[in-house]
N, C-alpha and C. Protein backbone atom coordinates (compact mmCIF):
# COMPACT_ATOMS: atom_id res chain seq x y z
N MET A 1 117.03 117.16 113.08
CA MET A 1 117.34 115.98 112.30
C MET A 1 118.01 116.41 111.00
N SER A 2 119.08 115.78 110.64
CA SER A 2 119.81 116.15 109.43
C SER A 2 119.14 115.55 108.20
N ALA A 3 119.28 116.24 107.07
CA ALA A 3 118.72 115.75 105.81
C ALA A 3 119.47 114.50 105.37
N GLN A 4 118.72 113.55 104.86
CA GLN A 4 119.32 112.31 104.39
C GLN A 4 119.12 112.20 102.89
N LYS A 5 120.09 111.62 102.22
CA LYS A 5 119.98 111.41 100.77
C LYS A 5 119.11 110.17 100.54
N THR A 6 118.38 110.20 99.43
CA THR A 6 117.51 109.09 99.10
C THR A 6 117.58 108.80 97.61
N ASP A 7 117.26 107.57 97.25
CA ASP A 7 117.16 107.22 95.84
C ASP A 7 115.71 107.24 95.37
N LEU A 8 114.84 107.74 96.23
CA LEU A 8 113.41 107.83 95.91
C LEU A 8 113.16 109.07 95.05
N VAL A 9 112.66 108.85 93.84
CA VAL A 9 112.37 109.93 92.91
C VAL A 9 110.94 109.72 92.41
N PRO A 10 110.09 110.75 92.52
CA PRO A 10 108.71 110.57 92.06
C PRO A 10 108.63 110.50 90.54
N LEU A 11 107.61 109.82 90.05
CA LEU A 11 107.32 109.84 88.62
C LEU A 11 106.63 111.16 88.30
N MET A 12 106.88 111.67 87.13
CA MET A 12 106.29 112.94 86.73
C MET A 12 105.20 112.74 85.69
N PRO A 13 104.07 113.43 85.86
CA PRO A 13 103.00 113.35 84.88
C PRO A 13 103.47 113.75 83.49
N ARG A 14 102.87 113.10 82.49
CA ARG A 14 103.13 113.34 81.06
C ARG A 14 104.46 112.77 80.59
N LEU A 15 105.24 112.15 81.49
CA LEU A 15 106.51 111.53 81.09
C LEU A 15 106.34 110.02 81.07
N GLN A 16 107.26 109.35 80.39
CA GLN A 16 107.23 107.90 80.29
C GLN A 16 107.39 107.25 81.67
N THR A 17 106.63 106.20 81.88
CA THR A 17 106.76 105.42 83.11
C THR A 17 107.85 104.38 82.94
N PRO A 18 108.37 103.86 84.04
CA PRO A 18 109.37 102.79 83.94
C PRO A 18 108.76 101.50 83.39
N ALA A 19 109.62 100.61 82.96
CA ALA A 19 109.17 99.30 82.50
C ALA A 19 108.55 98.55 83.69
N LEU A 20 107.62 97.67 83.38
CA LEU A 20 107.01 96.84 84.41
C LEU A 20 106.61 95.52 83.78
N ARG A 21 107.30 94.46 84.18
CA ARG A 21 106.99 93.10 83.70
C ARG A 21 107.11 92.17 84.89
N VAL A 22 106.00 91.51 85.23
CA VAL A 22 105.97 90.62 86.39
C VAL A 22 105.14 89.38 86.07
N PRO A 23 105.42 88.27 86.78
CA PRO A 23 104.58 87.09 86.61
C PRO A 23 103.20 87.30 87.23
N LEU A 24 102.22 86.56 86.71
CA LEU A 24 100.85 86.64 87.18
C LEU A 24 100.42 85.36 87.87
N VAL A 25 99.64 85.48 88.92
CA VAL A 25 99.04 84.31 89.55
C VAL A 25 98.18 83.63 88.50
N GLY A 26 98.34 82.33 88.35
CA GLY A 26 97.59 81.59 87.36
C GLY A 26 98.34 81.40 86.05
N GLY A 27 99.50 82.03 85.90
CA GLY A 27 100.31 81.85 84.71
C GLY A 27 100.41 83.10 83.85
N GLY A 28 101.43 83.12 83.04
CA GLY A 28 101.67 84.25 82.16
C GLY A 28 102.35 85.40 82.87
N HIS A 29 102.48 86.50 82.14
CA HIS A 29 103.14 87.69 82.66
C HIS A 29 102.32 88.92 82.32
N TYR A 30 102.46 89.94 83.15
CA TYR A 30 101.95 91.26 82.84
C TYR A 30 103.13 92.05 82.33
N ASP A 31 102.98 92.67 81.17
CA ASP A 31 104.02 93.51 80.60
C ASP A 31 103.37 94.83 80.19
N LEU A 32 103.68 95.90 80.91
CA LEU A 32 103.08 97.19 80.62
C LEU A 32 103.31 97.60 79.17
N ALA A 33 104.48 97.26 78.63
CA ALA A 33 104.79 97.64 77.25
C ALA A 33 103.80 97.02 76.26
N ALA A 34 103.24 95.87 76.58
CA ALA A 34 102.31 95.17 75.69
C ALA A 34 100.85 95.56 75.92
N GLU A 35 100.57 96.28 77.01
CA GLU A 35 99.19 96.66 77.33
C GLU A 35 98.69 97.70 76.32
N GLN A 36 97.49 97.52 75.85
CA GLN A 36 96.87 98.47 74.93
C GLN A 36 95.44 98.78 75.37
N PRO A 37 95.28 99.42 76.52
CA PRO A 37 93.93 99.76 76.97
C PRO A 37 93.35 100.86 76.09
N LYS A 38 92.04 100.94 76.08
CA LYS A 38 91.39 102.01 75.32
C LYS A 38 91.73 103.36 75.94
N LEU A 39 91.75 103.43 77.27
CA LEU A 39 91.99 104.71 77.94
C LEU A 39 93.24 104.68 78.82
N PHE A 40 93.26 103.79 79.85
CA PHE A 40 94.39 103.74 80.78
C PHE A 40 94.64 102.33 81.27
N SER A 41 95.88 102.09 81.67
CA SER A 41 96.25 100.92 82.48
C SER A 41 96.30 101.40 83.92
N MET A 42 95.52 100.75 84.79
CA MET A 42 95.55 101.10 86.21
C MET A 42 96.42 100.07 86.92
N ILE A 43 97.45 100.56 87.58
CA ILE A 43 98.39 99.69 88.30
C ILE A 43 98.27 100.03 89.77
N VAL A 44 97.92 99.02 90.56
CA VAL A 44 97.73 99.19 91.99
C VAL A 44 98.82 98.38 92.70
N PHE A 45 99.72 99.06 93.35
CA PHE A 45 100.74 98.39 94.16
C PHE A 45 100.16 98.21 95.56
N TYR A 46 100.26 97.00 96.09
CA TYR A 46 99.75 96.74 97.44
C TYR A 46 100.82 96.11 98.30
N ARG A 47 100.63 96.13 99.60
CA ARG A 47 101.66 95.75 100.57
C ARG A 47 101.89 94.24 100.62
N GLY A 48 100.86 93.44 100.44
CA GLY A 48 101.03 91.99 100.46
C GLY A 48 99.94 91.29 101.25
N LEU A 49 100.04 89.98 101.29
CA LEU A 49 99.06 89.11 101.93
C LEU A 49 98.83 89.46 103.39
N HIS A 50 99.83 89.96 104.07
CA HIS A 50 99.74 90.26 105.50
C HIS A 50 98.85 91.46 105.82
N CYS A 51 98.49 92.26 104.81
CA CYS A 51 97.86 93.57 105.05
C CYS A 51 96.34 93.51 104.92
N GLY A 52 95.66 93.69 106.04
CA GLY A 52 94.20 93.71 106.06
C GLY A 52 93.63 94.88 105.28
N GLN A 53 94.31 96.03 105.31
CA GLN A 53 93.86 97.19 104.53
C GLN A 53 93.91 96.86 103.03
N CYS A 54 94.95 96.15 102.62
CA CYS A 54 95.08 95.76 101.21
C CYS A 54 93.96 94.80 100.81
N ARG A 55 93.62 93.90 101.72
CA ARG A 55 92.53 92.96 101.43
C ARG A 55 91.23 93.71 101.13
N ALA A 56 90.89 94.66 101.98
CA ALA A 56 89.67 95.44 101.76
C ALA A 56 89.77 96.24 100.46
N TYR A 57 90.93 96.80 100.18
CA TYR A 57 91.13 97.64 99.00
C TYR A 57 91.01 96.82 97.72
N LEU A 58 91.69 95.68 97.67
CA LEU A 58 91.64 94.87 96.46
C LEU A 58 90.28 94.20 96.28
N THR A 59 89.58 93.93 97.38
CA THR A 59 88.22 93.41 97.27
C THR A 59 87.32 94.45 96.63
N GLU A 60 87.50 95.72 97.03
CA GLU A 60 86.74 96.81 96.40
C GLU A 60 87.09 96.92 94.92
N LEU A 61 88.36 96.78 94.58
CA LEU A 61 88.77 96.84 93.18
C LEU A 61 88.15 95.70 92.39
N GLU A 62 88.18 94.50 92.94
CA GLU A 62 87.57 93.33 92.28
C GLU A 62 86.11 93.63 91.94
N GLN A 63 85.40 94.20 92.88
CA GLN A 63 83.98 94.51 92.66
C GLN A 63 83.80 95.65 91.65
N SER A 64 84.78 96.51 91.51
CA SER A 64 84.70 97.67 90.61
C SER A 64 85.21 97.38 89.21
N LEU A 65 85.80 96.21 88.98
CA LEU A 65 86.40 95.92 87.68
C LEU A 65 85.46 96.19 86.50
N PRO A 66 84.19 95.74 86.54
CA PRO A 66 83.32 96.03 85.39
C PRO A 66 83.17 97.53 85.11
N GLU A 67 83.14 98.33 86.16
CA GLU A 67 83.03 99.78 86.00
C GLU A 67 84.26 100.35 85.29
N PHE A 68 85.43 99.88 85.67
CA PHE A 68 86.66 100.35 85.03
C PHE A 68 86.75 99.83 83.59
N GLU A 69 86.47 98.55 83.41
CA GLU A 69 86.56 97.97 82.07
C GLU A 69 85.62 98.66 81.10
N SER A 70 84.40 99.02 81.54
CA SER A 70 83.45 99.70 80.66
C SER A 70 83.93 101.09 80.26
N ARG A 71 84.87 101.64 80.98
CA ARG A 71 85.43 102.95 80.68
C ARG A 71 86.79 102.85 79.98
N GLY A 72 87.18 101.64 79.61
CA GLY A 72 88.43 101.45 78.87
C GLY A 72 89.67 101.43 79.73
N ILE A 73 89.52 100.99 80.98
CA ILE A 73 90.65 100.97 81.91
C ILE A 73 90.93 99.53 82.31
N SER A 74 92.14 99.06 82.01
CA SER A 74 92.56 97.72 82.44
C SER A 74 93.21 97.83 83.81
N SER A 75 93.23 96.72 84.57
CA SER A 75 93.71 96.76 85.96
C SER A 75 94.68 95.64 86.28
N LEU A 76 95.60 95.97 87.17
CA LEU A 76 96.56 95.01 87.72
C LEU A 76 96.84 95.41 89.15
N ALA A 77 96.95 94.42 90.04
CA ALA A 77 97.43 94.65 91.41
C ALA A 77 98.72 93.85 91.56
N ILE A 78 99.69 94.42 92.24
CA ILE A 78 101.01 93.78 92.33
C ILE A 78 101.67 94.08 93.68
N SER A 79 102.45 93.10 94.16
CA SER A 79 103.22 93.28 95.40
C SER A 79 104.58 92.58 95.25
N VAL A 80 105.37 92.72 96.30
CA VAL A 80 106.66 92.03 96.32
C VAL A 80 106.50 90.58 96.77
N ASP A 81 105.30 90.19 97.22
CA ASP A 81 105.08 88.80 97.64
C ASP A 81 105.52 87.83 96.55
N GLY A 82 105.96 86.65 96.99
CA GLY A 82 106.32 85.59 96.06
C GLY A 82 105.08 84.85 95.57
N ALA A 83 105.31 83.84 94.75
CA ALA A 83 104.22 83.11 94.09
C ALA A 83 103.26 82.49 95.09
N GLU A 84 103.78 81.87 96.15
CA GLU A 84 102.90 81.18 97.10
C GLU A 84 102.01 82.16 97.85
N ARG A 85 102.56 83.25 98.32
CA ARG A 85 101.75 84.25 99.04
C ARG A 85 100.76 84.93 98.10
N ALA A 86 101.16 85.19 96.87
CA ALA A 86 100.25 85.80 95.90
C ALA A 86 99.09 84.86 95.57
N ALA A 87 99.38 83.57 95.44
CA ALA A 87 98.31 82.59 95.18
C ALA A 87 97.34 82.54 96.36
N ARG A 88 97.88 82.60 97.56
CA ARG A 88 97.02 82.65 98.75
C ARG A 88 96.17 83.90 98.76
N THR A 89 96.76 85.03 98.35
CA THR A 89 96.01 86.28 98.27
C THR A 89 94.80 86.10 97.36
N ARG A 90 95.02 85.54 96.18
CA ARG A 90 93.91 85.34 95.24
C ARG A 90 92.82 84.48 95.87
N THR A 91 93.21 83.36 96.47
CA THR A 91 92.24 82.41 97.02
C THR A 91 91.56 82.95 98.27
N GLU A 92 92.35 83.38 99.25
CA GLU A 92 91.80 83.80 100.55
C GLU A 92 91.02 85.11 100.46
N TRP A 93 91.36 85.95 99.51
CA TRP A 93 90.67 87.23 99.38
C TRP A 93 89.54 87.17 98.34
N GLY A 94 89.41 86.03 97.65
CA GLY A 94 88.33 85.88 96.67
C GLY A 94 88.49 86.75 95.44
N LEU A 95 89.71 86.91 94.98
CA LEU A 95 89.98 87.74 93.80
C LEU A 95 89.96 86.86 92.55
N GLU A 96 88.81 86.76 91.94
CA GLU A 96 88.64 85.84 90.82
C GLU A 96 89.00 86.45 89.47
N ARG A 97 88.80 87.74 89.30
CA ARG A 97 88.99 88.37 87.98
C ARG A 97 90.21 89.29 87.92
N LEU A 98 90.58 89.87 89.03
CA LEU A 98 91.67 90.83 89.06
C LEU A 98 93.00 90.17 88.72
N ARG A 99 93.72 90.74 87.77
CA ARG A 99 95.07 90.22 87.48
C ARG A 99 95.96 90.57 88.67
N LEU A 100 96.66 89.55 89.15
CA LEU A 100 97.46 89.69 90.36
C LEU A 100 98.91 89.35 90.04
N GLY A 101 99.77 90.37 90.09
CA GLY A 101 101.18 90.18 89.84
C GLY A 101 101.93 89.94 91.14
N TYR A 102 103.11 89.36 91.02
CA TYR A 102 103.92 89.07 92.20
C TYR A 102 105.40 89.16 91.85
N ASP A 103 106.23 89.00 92.88
CA ASP A 103 107.69 89.08 92.73
C ASP A 103 108.15 90.42 92.16
N LEU A 104 107.52 91.50 92.60
CA LEU A 104 107.95 92.83 92.17
C LEU A 104 109.37 93.07 92.69
N PRO A 105 110.34 93.26 91.81
CA PRO A 105 111.70 93.55 92.27
C PRO A 105 111.74 94.90 93.00
N LEU A 106 112.51 94.96 94.08
CA LEU A 106 112.61 96.20 94.85
C LEU A 106 113.15 97.35 94.00
N LYS A 107 114.05 97.06 93.11
CA LYS A 107 114.60 98.10 92.22
C LYS A 107 113.48 98.68 91.34
N VAL A 108 112.60 97.82 90.84
CA VAL A 108 111.48 98.30 90.01
C VAL A 108 110.51 99.12 90.87
N ALA A 109 110.27 98.65 92.10
CA ALA A 109 109.42 99.42 93.02
C ALA A 109 109.98 100.82 93.21
N ARG A 110 111.26 100.91 93.40
CA ARG A 110 111.92 102.21 93.58
C ARG A 110 111.84 103.03 92.30
N ASP A 111 112.02 102.37 91.12
CA ASP A 111 111.89 103.09 89.84
C ASP A 111 110.52 103.74 89.70
N TRP A 112 109.50 103.12 90.30
CA TRP A 112 108.14 103.65 90.26
C TRP A 112 107.89 104.67 91.37
N GLY A 113 108.92 104.98 92.16
CA GLY A 113 108.79 105.99 93.20
C GLY A 113 108.06 105.52 94.44
N LEU A 114 108.08 104.21 94.69
CA LEU A 114 107.35 103.66 95.83
C LEU A 114 108.17 103.75 97.11
N PHE A 115 107.46 103.97 98.21
CA PHE A 115 108.07 103.88 99.53
C PHE A 115 108.23 102.41 99.89
N LEU A 116 109.34 102.08 100.52
CA LEU A 116 109.63 100.71 100.95
C LEU A 116 109.74 100.68 102.47
N THR A 117 109.31 99.56 103.05
CA THR A 117 109.29 99.42 104.50
C THR A 117 109.91 98.09 104.91
N GLU A 118 110.71 98.13 105.99
CA GLU A 118 111.23 96.89 106.56
C GLU A 118 110.09 96.11 107.17
N GLY A 119 110.02 94.83 106.81
CA GLY A 119 108.96 93.98 107.34
C GLY A 119 109.16 93.69 108.81
N ARG A 120 108.05 93.43 109.48
CA ARG A 120 108.10 93.10 110.91
C ARG A 120 107.52 91.70 111.12
N PRO A 121 108.22 90.89 111.88
CA PRO A 121 107.65 89.58 112.22
C PRO A 121 106.52 89.76 113.22
N ARG A 122 105.60 88.84 113.22
CA ARG A 122 104.47 88.91 114.15
C ARG A 122 104.45 87.66 115.00
N ALA A 123 104.09 87.83 116.25
CA ALA A 123 103.96 86.68 117.14
C ALA A 123 102.76 85.83 116.72
N GLN A 124 101.70 86.50 116.29
CA GLN A 124 100.51 85.81 115.79
C GLN A 124 100.17 86.36 114.43
N GLY A 125 99.61 85.53 113.60
CA GLY A 125 99.23 85.98 112.27
C GLY A 125 100.38 85.89 111.30
N LEU A 126 100.20 86.46 110.14
CA LEU A 126 101.16 86.36 109.05
C LEU A 126 102.20 87.47 109.14
N SER A 127 103.48 87.11 109.12
CA SER A 127 104.54 88.11 109.14
C SER A 127 104.63 88.84 107.81
N GLU A 128 105.18 90.02 107.85
CA GLU A 128 105.41 90.80 106.64
C GLU A 128 106.64 90.24 105.93
N PRO A 129 106.77 90.47 104.62
CA PRO A 129 108.00 90.09 103.94
C PRO A 129 109.16 90.93 104.48
N PRO A 130 110.41 90.55 104.23
CA PRO A 130 111.55 91.32 104.74
C PRO A 130 111.49 92.80 104.36
N ILE A 131 111.06 93.09 103.14
CA ILE A 131 110.82 94.46 102.69
C ILE A 131 109.54 94.43 101.86
N CYS A 132 108.65 95.37 102.12
CA CYS A 132 107.44 95.45 101.29
C CYS A 132 107.30 96.86 100.75
N CYS A 133 106.56 96.98 99.66
CA CYS A 133 106.28 98.30 99.11
C CYS A 133 105.01 98.82 99.74
N GLU A 134 104.93 100.11 99.90
CA GLU A 134 103.72 100.74 100.41
C GLU A 134 102.78 100.99 99.23
N PRO A 135 101.50 101.28 99.51
CA PRO A 135 100.50 101.35 98.44
C PRO A 135 100.70 102.52 97.48
N ALA A 136 100.26 102.27 96.26
CA ALA A 136 100.26 103.31 95.24
C ALA A 136 99.26 102.93 94.15
N LEU A 137 98.76 103.93 93.47
CA LEU A 137 97.85 103.73 92.34
C LEU A 137 98.31 104.64 91.22
N PHE A 138 98.46 104.06 90.03
CA PHE A 138 98.87 104.82 88.85
C PHE A 138 97.90 104.56 87.71
N LEU A 139 97.63 105.60 86.93
CA LEU A 139 96.92 105.46 85.67
C LEU A 139 97.89 105.86 84.57
N VAL A 140 98.14 104.92 83.66
CA VAL A 140 99.14 105.09 82.61
C VAL A 140 98.44 105.02 81.26
N GLY A 141 98.69 106.00 80.41
CA GLY A 141 98.06 106.04 79.10
C GLY A 141 98.62 104.97 78.16
N PRO A 142 97.93 104.75 77.03
CA PRO A 142 98.41 103.77 76.04
C PRO A 142 99.81 104.09 75.53
N ASP A 143 100.20 105.38 75.59
CA ASP A 143 101.55 105.79 75.17
C ASP A 143 102.58 105.60 76.28
N LYS A 144 102.14 105.03 77.41
CA LYS A 144 102.98 104.70 78.58
C LYS A 144 103.45 105.93 79.34
N THR A 145 102.73 107.03 79.21
CA THR A 145 103.02 108.20 80.02
C THR A 145 102.09 108.22 81.23
N LEU A 146 102.57 108.83 82.30
CA LEU A 146 101.81 108.89 83.54
C LEU A 146 100.73 109.95 83.44
N TRP A 147 99.50 109.56 83.82
CA TRP A 147 98.39 110.51 83.86
C TRP A 147 97.97 110.83 85.29
N PHE A 148 97.99 109.83 86.17
CA PHE A 148 97.56 110.01 87.56
C PHE A 148 98.43 109.17 88.47
N SER A 149 98.73 109.70 89.65
CA SER A 149 99.45 108.90 90.65
C SER A 149 99.01 109.27 92.05
N ALA A 150 98.97 108.26 92.90
CA ALA A 150 98.74 108.45 94.34
C ALA A 150 99.70 107.48 95.03
N VAL A 151 100.75 108.03 95.59
CA VAL A 151 101.80 107.22 96.21
C VAL A 151 101.77 107.49 97.71
N GLN A 152 101.75 106.44 98.51
CA GLN A 152 101.60 106.61 99.96
C GLN A 152 102.72 105.92 100.73
N ASN A 153 102.92 106.39 101.94
CA ASN A 153 103.88 105.74 102.82
C ASN A 153 103.18 105.03 103.98
N MET A 154 101.85 105.03 104.00
CA MET A 154 101.07 104.35 105.03
C MET A 154 100.00 103.49 104.36
N ALA A 155 99.49 102.52 105.10
CA ALA A 155 98.52 101.58 104.54
C ALA A 155 97.13 102.17 104.39
N PHE A 156 96.81 103.21 105.14
CA PHE A 156 95.44 103.71 105.15
C PHE A 156 95.26 104.96 104.29
N ALA A 157 93.99 105.38 104.13
CA ALA A 157 93.60 106.61 103.41
C ALA A 157 93.99 106.57 101.93
N ARG A 158 93.70 105.46 101.28
CA ARG A 158 93.98 105.33 99.85
C ARG A 158 92.84 105.93 99.02
N PRO A 159 93.12 106.25 97.75
CA PRO A 159 92.03 106.73 96.89
C PRO A 159 90.95 105.65 96.77
N ARG A 160 89.70 106.04 96.97
CA ARG A 160 88.60 105.08 96.83
C ARG A 160 88.31 104.88 95.35
N PHE A 161 88.09 103.64 94.96
CA PHE A 161 87.83 103.36 93.55
C PHE A 161 86.54 104.02 93.08
N SER A 162 85.56 104.12 93.96
CA SER A 162 84.32 104.81 93.59
C SER A 162 84.59 106.28 93.28
N ASP A 163 85.53 106.90 93.98
CA ASP A 163 85.89 108.29 93.70
C ASP A 163 86.60 108.42 92.36
N VAL A 164 87.44 107.43 92.03
CA VAL A 164 88.14 107.44 90.74
C VAL A 164 87.11 107.34 89.62
N ILE A 165 86.15 106.42 89.76
CA ILE A 165 85.09 106.26 88.75
C ILE A 165 84.27 107.54 88.63
N GLU A 166 83.92 108.13 89.75
CA GLU A 166 83.16 109.38 89.75
C GLU A 166 83.94 110.49 89.04
N GLY A 167 85.25 110.52 89.24
CA GLY A 167 86.08 111.51 88.55
C GLY A 167 86.05 111.33 87.05
N PHE A 168 86.09 110.07 86.60
CA PHE A 168 86.00 109.83 85.16
C PHE A 168 84.64 110.25 84.62
N GLU A 169 83.58 109.99 85.36
CA GLU A 169 82.25 110.40 84.91
C GLU A 169 82.17 111.92 84.77
N PHE A 170 82.77 112.64 85.70
CA PHE A 170 82.84 114.10 85.63
C PHE A 170 83.53 114.53 84.33
N LEU A 171 84.66 113.89 84.02
CA LEU A 171 85.41 114.25 82.82
C LEU A 171 84.66 113.85 81.55
N PHE A 172 84.08 112.65 81.53
CA PHE A 172 83.33 112.20 80.36
C PHE A 172 82.17 113.15 80.07
N ALA A 173 81.49 113.61 81.12
CA ALA A 173 80.34 114.51 80.96
C ALA A 173 80.75 115.83 80.31
N ARG A 174 82.01 116.18 80.41
CA ARG A 174 82.50 117.43 79.82
C ARG A 174 83.22 117.20 78.49
N GLY A 175 83.09 115.99 77.96
CA GLY A 175 83.65 115.68 76.65
C GLY A 175 85.10 115.27 76.63
N TYR A 176 85.72 115.16 77.80
CA TYR A 176 87.11 114.71 77.82
C TYR A 176 87.20 113.25 77.43
N PHE A 177 88.23 112.91 76.71
CA PHE A 177 88.55 111.57 76.22
C PHE A 177 87.68 111.16 75.04
N THR A 178 86.59 111.87 74.78
CA THR A 178 85.77 111.56 73.61
C THR A 178 85.91 112.67 72.57
N GLN A 179 85.83 113.92 73.00
CA GLN A 179 85.92 115.04 72.07
C GLN A 179 87.20 115.85 72.24
N LYS A 180 87.78 115.80 73.42
CA LYS A 180 89.00 116.57 73.68
C LYS A 180 89.85 115.84 74.72
N GLU A 181 91.09 116.19 74.75
CA GLU A 181 92.02 115.55 75.68
C GLU A 181 91.91 116.17 77.07
N CYS A 182 92.32 115.40 78.05
CA CYS A 182 92.42 115.89 79.42
C CYS A 182 93.85 115.64 79.87
N PRO A 183 94.72 116.62 79.73
CA PRO A 183 96.13 116.38 80.06
C PRO A 183 96.33 116.15 81.56
N ALA A 184 97.33 115.38 81.86
CA ALA A 184 97.70 115.15 83.26
C ALA A 184 98.13 116.47 83.88
N ARG A 185 97.81 116.62 85.15
CA ARG A 185 98.18 117.83 85.89
C ARG A 185 99.44 117.55 86.70
N GLY A 186 100.10 118.61 87.15
CA GLY A 186 101.30 118.48 87.97
C GLY A 186 102.56 118.25 87.16
N GLU A 187 102.56 118.69 85.91
CA GLU A 187 103.64 118.38 84.97
C GLU A 187 104.88 119.26 85.08
N ILE A 188 104.83 120.31 85.88
CA ILE A 188 105.97 121.23 85.98
C ILE A 188 107.12 120.53 86.69
N ILE A 189 108.20 120.41 85.98
CA ILE A 189 109.37 119.68 86.50
C ILE A 189 110.26 120.58 87.34
N ARG A 190 110.42 121.81 86.90
CA ARG A 190 111.36 122.72 87.58
C ARG A 190 110.80 124.13 87.51
N LEU A 191 110.87 124.84 88.63
CA LEU A 191 110.46 126.24 88.64
C LEU A 191 111.57 127.07 87.99
N ALA A 192 111.17 128.13 87.29
CA ALA A 192 112.16 129.02 86.69
C ALA A 192 112.97 129.68 87.80
N ASP A 193 114.26 129.88 87.54
CA ASP A 193 115.11 130.54 88.54
C ASP A 193 114.77 132.00 88.70
């Protein structure tokens, strides 16, 4: 198979993240530039209303929100779904507290290094959108630099929120974020020639 050129470029730790401004279910907008979390902004990209894996994942996030908030982490989930599908997601999945963004532009998804997939119609059930983004989870510092990323090209095997919380407890127990910094790992951009 021959190599193909792509416009997919990963985000690099410790560097500025792209802009992100999207409408929210229930009104208003999420604007990453205006977010001022104590520790991190957690941005969860999900596939959309059609995805059962996303439903389970966002339900887990909804239940974990108090744990993240108590650690200074704000949360948003976002997809390329339009307003009507996003509103259905909130209602049908029982997401009462989680901020839910919608109408993610494909260009912005690509700026964030997300994998994109052609949607498939279904004979039964809900069809996928024409193009959807695959799942990803990012933790972005108050300075808008990337601290953590998990970008996937499949719907399954996502980072468990309980594991993320456990990781923070490990770091807090060692004085990170309270007495000393914990720099993002994976920051090497280019190997020396």
